[in-house]
Amino acid sequence: MKKFISTIIIFPIRLYQYAISPLLGSNCRFYPSCSSYAIEAVEKLPLYTALPKIVWRIIRCHPFSKGGDDPVI
């Protein structure tokens, strides 16, 4: 069941990575990028942990953020 839900969550992120992200250019303040972080979190963590981490990461992604290295733990 987790695999199915993970696939449903990852599919639109991959779609964004291949269709939209190249048009916007590389401007992510964090490493890995927010979309890569989201995929890694969904693959490595339980969904109840991954989803809040993804939302928190996206909230912190703004022009006034220092950014930097932010691995999925």
PDB file of N, CA and C in Angstrom:
ATOM      1  N   MET A   1       0.814  -1.194   0.000  1.00  0.00           N
ATOM      2  CA  MET A   1       0.000   0.000   0.000  1.00  0.00           C
ATOM      3  C   MET A   1       0.863   1.266   0.000  1.00  0.00           C
ATOM      4  N   LYS A   2       1.961   1.271   0.803  1.00  0.00           N
ATOM      5  CA  LYS A   2       2.839   2.439   0.839  1.00  0.00           C
ATOM      6  C   LYS A   2       3.451   2.692  -0.530  1.00  0.00           C
ATOM      7  N   LYS A   3       3.827   1.623  -1.221  1.00  0.00           N
ATOM      8  CA  LYS A   3       4.425   1.762  -2.548  1.00  0.00           C
ATOM      9  C   LYS A   3       3.456   2.456  -3.505  1.00  0.00           C
ATOM     10  N   PHE A   4       2.189   2.073  -3.457  1.00  0.00           N
ATOM     11  CA  PHE A   4       1.176   2.663  -4.326  1.00  0.00           C
ATOM     12  C   PHE A   4       0.989   4.152  -4.016  1.00  0.00           C
ATOM     13  N   ILE A   5       0.870   4.482  -2.739  1.00  0.00           N
ATOM     14  CA  ILE A   5       0.685   5.882  -2.345  1.00  0.00           C
ATOM     15  C   ILE A   5       1.938   6.692  -2.665  1.00  0.00           C
ATOM     16  N   SER A   6       3.105   6.111  -2.443  1.00  0.00           N
ATOM     17  CA  SER A   6       4.360   6.792  -2.771  1.00  0.00           C
ATOM     18  C   SER A   6       4.436   7.104  -4.258  1.00  0.00           C
ATOM     19  N   THR A   7       4.015   6.156  -5.082  1.00  0.00           N
ATOM     20  CA  THR A   7       4.023   6.366  -6.529  1.00  0.00           C
ATOM     21  C   THR A   7       3.087   7.506  -6.911  1.00  0.00           C
ATOM     22  N   ILE A   8       1.936   7.571  -6.273  1.00  0.00           N
ATOM     23  CA  ILE A   8       0.981   8.647  -6.555  1.00  0.00           C
ATOM     24  C   ILE A   8       1.559  10.008  -6.152  1.00  0.00           C
ATOM     25  N   ILE A   9       2.312  10.052  -5.071  1.00  0.00           N
ATOM     26  CA  ILE A   9       2.923  11.304  -4.625  1.00  0.00           C
ATOM     27  C   ILE A   9       4.110  11.675  -5.503  1.00  0.00           C
ATOM     28  N   ILE A  10       4.911  10.698  -5.893  1.00  0.00           N
ATOM     29  CA  ILE A  10       6.132  10.967  -6.655  1.00  0.00           C
ATOM     30  C   ILE A  10       5.833  11.341  -8.107  1.00  0.00           C
ATOM     31  N   PHE A  11       4.783  10.786  -8.696  1.00  0.00           N
ATOM     32  CA  PHE A  11       4.495  11.037 -10.112  1.00  0.00           C
ATOM     33  C   PHE A  11       4.392  12.534 -10.453  1.00  0.00           C
ATOM     34  N   PRO A  12       3.588  13.337  -9.743  1.00  0.00           N
ATOM     35  CA  PRO A  12       3.529  14.761 -10.107  1.00  0.00           C
ATOM     36  C   PRO A  12       4.843  15.502  -9.856  1.00  0.00           C
ATOM     37  N   ILE A  13       5.632  15.028  -8.896  1.00  0.00           N
ATOM     38  CA  ILE A  13       6.932  15.655  -8.653  1.00  0.00           C
ATOM     39  C   ILE A  13       7.858  15.387  -9.831  1.00  0.00           C
ATOM     40  N   ARG A  14       7.879  14.146 -10.312  1.00  0.00           N
ATOM     41  CA  ARG A  14       8.696  13.813 -11.493  1.00  0.00           C
ATOM     42  C   ARG A  14       8.218  14.597 -12.715  1.00  0.00           C
ATOM     43  N   LEU A  15       6.912  14.721 -12.866  1.00  0.00           N
ATOM     44  CA  LEU A  15       6.351  15.499 -13.970  1.00  0.00           C
ATOM     45  C   LEU A  15       6.856  16.941 -13.899  1.00  0.00           C
ATOM     46  N   TYR A  16       6.844  17.516 -12.712  1.00  0.00           N
ATOM     47  CA  TYR A  16       7.380  18.859 -12.513  1.00  0.00           C
ATOM     48  C   TYR A  16       8.865  18.911 -12.884  1.00  0.00           C
ATOM     49  N   GLN A  17       9.639  17.909 -12.435  1.00  0.00           N
ATOM     50  CA  GLN A  17      11.076  17.902 -12.700  1.00  0.00           C
ATOM     51  C   GLN A  17      11.387  17.870 -14.190  1.00  0.00           C
ATOM     52  N   TYR A  18      10.625  17.107 -14.954  1.00  0.00           N
ATOM     53  CA  TYR A  18      10.924  16.938 -16.374  1.00  0.00           C
ATOM     54  C   TYR A  18      10.243  17.959 -17.276  1.00  0.00           C
ATOM     55  N   ALA A  19       9.087  18.505 -16.869  1.00  0.00           N
ATOM     56  CA  ALA A  19       8.339  19.388 -17.756  1.00  0.00           C
ATOM     57  C   ALA A  19       8.437  20.863 -17.378  1.00  0.00           C
ATOM     58  N   ILE A  20       8.449  21.179 -16.100  1.00  0.00           N
ATOM     59  CA  ILE A  20       8.380  22.578 -15.674  1.00  0.00           C
ATOM     60  C   ILE A  20       9.729  23.109 -15.196  1.00  0.00           C
ATOM     61  N   SER A  21      10.425  22.341 -14.396  1.00  0.00           N
ATOM     62  CA  SER A  21      11.684  22.792 -13.813  1.00  0.00           C
ATOM     63  C   SER A  21      12.721  23.244 -14.850  1.00  0.00           C
ATOM     64  N   PRO A  22      12.891  22.541 -15.975  1.00  0.00           N
ATOM     65  CA  PRO A  22      13.867  23.016 -16.961  1.00  0.00           C
ATOM     66  C   PRO A  22      13.532  24.404 -17.518  1.00  0.00           C
ATOM     67  N   LEU A  23      12.271  24.748 -17.557  1.00  0.00           N
ATOM     68  CA  LEU A  23      11.865  26.061 -18.057  1.00  0.00           C
ATOM     69  C   LEU A  23      12.167  27.168 -17.050  1.00  0.00           C
ATOM     70  N   LEU A  24      12.165  26.836 -15.773  1.00  0.00           N
ATOM     71  CA  LEU A  24      12.398  27.827 -14.722  1.00  0.00           C
ATOM     72  C   LEU A  24      13.877  28.046 -14.437  1.00  0.00           C
ATOM     73  N   GLY A  25      14.703  27.095 -14.795  1.00  0.00           N
ATOM     74  CA  GLY A  25      16.130  27.197 -14.527  1.00  0.00           C
ATOM     75  C   GLY A  25      16.469  26.751 -13.111  1.00  0.00           C
ATOM     76  N   SER A  26      17.738  26.717 -12.824  1.00  0.00           N
ATOM     77  CA  SER A  26      18.208  26.263 -11.512  1.00  0.00           C
ATOM     78  C   SER A  26      18.268  27.452 -10.560  1.00  0.00           C
ATOM     79  N   ASN A  27      17.328  27.519  -9.643  1.00  0.00           N
ATOM     80  CA  ASN A  27      17.339  28.623  -8.691  1.00  0.00           C
ATOM     81  C   ASN A  27      16.978  28.169  -7.278  1.00  0.00           C
ATOM     82  N   CYS A  28      17.173  26.899  -6.990  1.00  0.00           N
ATOM     83  CA  CYS A  28      16.859  26.378  -5.663  1.00  0.00           C
ATOM     84  C   CYS A  28      17.948  26.803  -4.679  1.00  0.00           C
ATOM     85  N   ARG A  29      17.544  27.208  -3.501  1.00  0.00           N
ATOM     86  CA  ARG A  29      18.475  27.667  -2.477  1.00  0.00           C
ATOM     87  C   ARG A  29      19.056  26.525  -1.660  1.00  0.00           C
ATOM     88  N   PHE A  30      18.466  25.365  -1.782  1.00  0.00           N
ATOM     89  CA  PHE A  30      18.876  24.225  -0.972  1.00  0.00           C
ATOM     90  C   PHE A  30      19.510  23.143  -1.833  1.00  0.00           C
ATOM     91  N   TYR A  31      20.287  22.283  -1.173  1.00  0.00           N
ATOM     92  CA  TYR A  31      20.779  21.068  -1.805  1.00  0.00           C
ATOM     93  C   TYR A  31      20.376  19.908  -0.921  1.00  0.00           C
ATOM     94  N   PRO A  32      19.713  18.913  -1.428  1.00  0.00           N
ATOM     95  CA  PRO A  32      19.215  18.761  -2.794  1.00  0.00           C
ATOM     96  C   PRO A  32      18.037  19.697  -3.058  1.00  0.00           C
ATOM     97  N   SER A  33      17.673  19.806  -4.337  1.00  0.00           N
ATOM     98  CA  SER A  33      16.550  20.672  -4.692  1.00  0.00           C
ATOM     99  C   SER A  33      15.295  20.212  -3.955  1.00  0.00           C
ATOM    100  N   CYS A  34      14.317  21.079  -3.868  1.00  0.00           N
ATOM    101  CA  CYS A  34      13.094  20.748  -3.116  1.00  0.00           C
ATOM    102  C   CYS A  34      12.382  19.536  -3.703  1.00  0.00           C
ATOM    103  N   SER A  35      12.369  19.422  -5.023  1.00  0.00           N
ATOM    104  CA  SER A  35      11.693  18.270  -5.625  1.00  0.00           C
ATOM    105  C   SER A  35      12.470  16.980  -5.361  1.00  0.00           C
ATOM    106  N   SER A  36      13.784  17.028  -5.433  1.00  0.00           N
ATOM    107  CA  SER A  36      14.587  15.843  -5.116  1.00  0.00           C
ATOM    108  C   SER A  36      14.465  15.478  -3.641  1.00  0.00           C
ATOM    109  N   TYR A  37      14.416  16.483  -2.800  1.00  0.00           N
ATOM    110  CA  TYR A  37      14.225  16.266  -1.363  1.00  0.00           C
ATOM    111  C   TYR A  37      12.899  15.564  -1.108  1.00  0.00           C
ATOM    112  N   ALA A  38      11.848  16.013  -1.784  1.00  0.00           N
ATOM    113  CA  ALA A  38      10.518  15.417  -1.596  1.00  0.00           C
ATOM    114  C   ALA A  38      10.510  13.950  -2.005  1.00  0.00           C
ATOM    115  N   ILE A  39      11.105  13.643  -3.140  1.00  0.00           N
ATOM    116  CA  ILE A  39      11.147  12.253  -3.598  1.00  0.00           C
ATOM    117  C   ILE A  39      11.944  11.395  -2.626  1.00  0.00           C
ATOM    118  N   GLU A  40      13.090  11.891  -2.201  1.00  0.00           N
ATOM    119  CA  GLU A  40      13.921  11.134  -1.262  1.00  0.00           C
ATOM    120  C   GLU A  40      13.191  10.915   0.065  1.00  0.00           C
ATOM    121  N   ALA A  41      12.488  11.928   0.543  1.00  0.00           N
ATOM    122  CA  ALA A  41      11.749  11.796   1.801  1.00  0.00           C
ATOM    123  C   ALA A  41      10.646  10.752   1.685  1.00  0.00           C
ATOM    124  N   VAL A  42       9.911  10.764   0.579  1.00  0.00           N
ATOM    125  CA  VAL A  42       8.824   9.796   0.389  1.00  0.00           C
ATOM    126  C   VAL A  42       9.380   8.380   0.294  1.00  0.00           C
ATOM    127  N   GLU A  43      10.538   8.226  -0.349  1.00  0.00           N
ATOM    128  CA  GLU A  43      11.123   6.894  -0.512  1.00  0.00           C
ATOM    129  C   GLU A  43      11.737   6.362   0.782  1.00  0.00           C
ATOM    130  N   LYS A  44      12.307   7.235   1.617  1.00  0.00           N
ATOM    131  CA  LYS A  44      13.056   6.781   2.789  1.00  0.00           C
ATOM    132  C   LYS A  44      12.269   6.801   4.093  1.00  0.00           C
ATOM    133  N   LEU A  45      11.291   7.677   4.202  1.00  0.00           N
ATOM    134  CA  LEU A  45      10.610   7.882   5.478  1.00  0.00           C
ATOM    135  C   LEU A  45       9.160   7.425   5.410  1.00  0.00           C
ATOM    136  N   PRO A  46       8.556   7.152   6.561  1.00  0.00           N
ATOM    137  CA  PRO A  46       7.111   6.897   6.562  1.00  0.00           C
ATOM    138  C   PRO A  46       6.380   8.165   6.102  1.00  0.00           C
ATOM    139  N   LEU A  47       5.248   7.999   5.465  1.00  0.00           N
ATOM    140  CA  LEU A  47       4.536   9.146   4.907  1.00  0.00           C
ATOM    141  C   LEU A  47       4.146  10.167   5.969  1.00  0.00           C
ATOM    142  N   TYR A  48       3.798   9.710   7.169  1.00  0.00           N
ATOM    143  CA  TYR A  48       3.409  10.656   8.219  1.00  0.00           C
ATOM    144  C   TYR A  48       4.589  11.516   8.679  1.00  0.00           C
ATOM    145  N   THR A  49       5.800  11.104   8.380  1.00  0.00           N
ATOM    146  CA  THR A  49       6.988  11.904   8.667  1.00  0.00           C
ATOM    147  C   THR A  49       7.421  12.688   7.434  1.00  0.00           C
ATOM    148  N   ALA A  50       7.338  12.061   6.270  1.00  0.00           N
ATOM    149  CA  ALA A  50       7.810  12.680   5.034  1.00  0.00           C
ATOM    150  C   ALA A  50       6.988  13.907   4.644  1.00  0.00           C
ATOM    151  N   LEU A  51       5.680  13.800   4.704  1.00  0.00           N
ATOM    152  CA  LEU A  51       4.833  14.904   4.240  1.00  0.00           C
ATOM    153  C   LEU A  51       5.040  16.198   5.033  1.00  0.00           C
ATOM    154  N   PRO A  52       5.080  16.168   6.372  1.00  0.00           N
ATOM    155  CA  PRO A  52       5.368  17.420   7.093  1.00  0.00           C
ATOM    156  C   PRO A  52       6.759  17.981   6.782  1.00  0.00           C
ATOM    157  N   LYS A  53       7.750  17.104   6.597  1.00  0.00           N
ATOM    158  CA  LYS A  53       9.097  17.568   6.257  1.00  0.00           C
ATOM    159  C   LYS A  53       9.109  18.256   4.891  1.00  0.00           C
ATOM    160  N   ILE A  54       8.361  17.709   3.940  1.00  0.00           N
ATOM    161  CA  ILE A  54       8.283  18.303   2.605  1.00  0.00           C
ATOM    162  C   ILE A  54       7.616  19.673   2.675  1.00  0.00           C
ATOM    163  N   VAL A  55       6.513  19.757   3.393  1.00  0.00           N
ATOM    164  CA  VAL A  55       5.802  21.038   3.524  1.00  0.00           C
ATOM    165  C   VAL A  55       6.699  22.072   4.200  1.00  0.00           C
ATOM    166  N   TRP A  56       7.388  21.682   5.262  1.00  0.00           N
ATOM    167  CA  TRP A  56       8.283  22.601   5.970  1.00  0.00           C
ATOM    168  C   TRP A  56       9.410  23.073   5.055  1.00  0.00           C
ATOM    169  N   ARG A  57       9.938  22.193   4.242  1.00  0.00           N
ATOM    170  CA  ARG A  57      11.004  22.557   3.304  1.00  0.00           C
ATOM    171  C   ARG A  57      10.503  23.575   2.286  1.00  0.00           C
ATOM    172  N   ILE A  58       9.314  23.361   1.742  1.00  0.00           N
ATOM    173  CA  ILE A  58       8.760  24.285   0.747  1.00  0.00           C
ATOM    174  C   ILE A  58       8.472  25.649   1.381  1.00  0.00           C
ATOM    175  N   ILE A  59       7.995  25.660   2.614  1.00  0.00           N
ATOM    176  CA  ILE A  59       7.742  26.928   3.309  1.00  0.00           C
ATOM    177  C   ILE A  59       9.039  27.715   3.481  1.00  0.00           C
ATOM    178  N   ARG A  60      10.144  27.020   3.746  1.00  0.00           N
ATOM    179  CA  ARG A  60      11.433  27.692   3.958  1.00  0.00           C
ATOM    180  C   ARG A  60      12.104  28.131   2.667  1.00  0.00           C
ATOM    181  N   CYS A  61      11.586  27.736   1.526  1.00  0.00           N
ATOM    182  CA  CYS A  61      12.209  28.072   0.239  1.00  0.00           C
ATOM    183  C   CYS A  61      11.675  29.420  -0.242  1.00  0.00           C
ATOM    184  N   HIS A  62      12.405  30.477   0.078  1.00  0.00           N
ATOM    185  CA  HIS A  62      12.023  31.831  -0.321  1.00  0.00           C
ATOM    186  C   HIS A  62      13.293  32.673  -0.452  1.00  0.00           C
ATOM    187  N   PRO A  63      13.198  33.856  -1.052  1.00  0.00           N
ATOM    188  CA  PRO A  63      14.396  34.660  -1.317  1.00  0.00           C
ATOM    189  C   PRO A  63      15.185  35.076  -0.076  1.00  0.00           C
ATOM    190  N   PHE A  64      14.565  35.102   1.089  1.00  0.00           N
ATOM    191  CA  PHE A  64      15.261  35.555   2.285  1.00  0.00           C
ATOM    192  C   PHE A  64      15.891  34.414   3.084  1.00  0.00           C
ATOM    193  N   SER A  65      15.732  33.195   2.610  1.00  0.00           N
ATOM    194  CA  SER A  65      16.300  32.025   3.274  1.00  0.00           C
ATOM    195  C   SER A  65      17.776  31.888   2.914  1.00  0.00           C
ATOM    196  N   LYS A  66      18.578  31.445   3.878  1.00  0.00           N
ATOM    197  CA  LYS A  66      19.994  31.225   3.603  1.00  0.00           C
ATOM    198  C   LYS A  66      20.210  29.994   2.729  1.00  0.00           C
ATOM    199  N   GLY A  67      19.307  29.017   2.825  1.00  0.00           N
ATOM    200  CA  GLY A  67      19.453  27.801   2.024  1.00  0.00           C
ATOM    201  C   GLY A  67      20.603  26.953   2.528  1.00  0.00           C
ATOM    202  N   GLY A  68      21.250  26.255   1.607  1.00  0.00           N
ATOM    203  CA  GLY A  68      22.387  25.418   1.957  1.00  0.00           C
ATOM    204  C   GLY A  68      22.066  23.939   1.900  1.00  0.00           C
ATOM    205  N   ASP A  69      22.933  23.158   2.520  1.00  0.00           N
ATOM    206  CA  ASP A  69      22.786  21.708   2.526  1.00  0.00           C
ATOM    207  C   ASP A  69      21.702  21.311   3.528  1.00  0.00           C
ATOM    208  N   ASP A  70      20.698  20.579   3.059  1.00  0.00           N
ATOM    209  CA  ASP A  70      19.575  20.178   3.913  1.00  0.00           C
ATOM    210  C   ASP A  70      19.165  18.755   3.553  1.00  0.00           C
ATOM    211  N   PRO A  71      19.923  17.757   4.027  1.00  0.00           N
ATOM    212  CA  PRO A  71      19.615  16.370   3.662  1.00  0.00           C
ATOM    213  C   PRO A  71      18.379  15.842   4.382  1.00  0.00           C
ATOM    214  N   VAL A  72      17.771  14.827   3.798  1.00  0.00           N
ATOM    215  CA  VAL A  72      16.669  14.126   4.451  1.00  0.00           C
ATOM    216  C   VAL A  72      17.282  13.260   5.537  1.00  0.00           C
ATOM    217  N   ILE A  73      16.817  13.419   6.743  1.00  0.00           N
ATOM    218  CA  ILE A  73      17.382  12.646   7.859  1.00  0.00           C
ATOM    219  C   ILE A  73      16.407  11.564   8.251  1.00  0.00           C
TER     220      ILE A  73
END
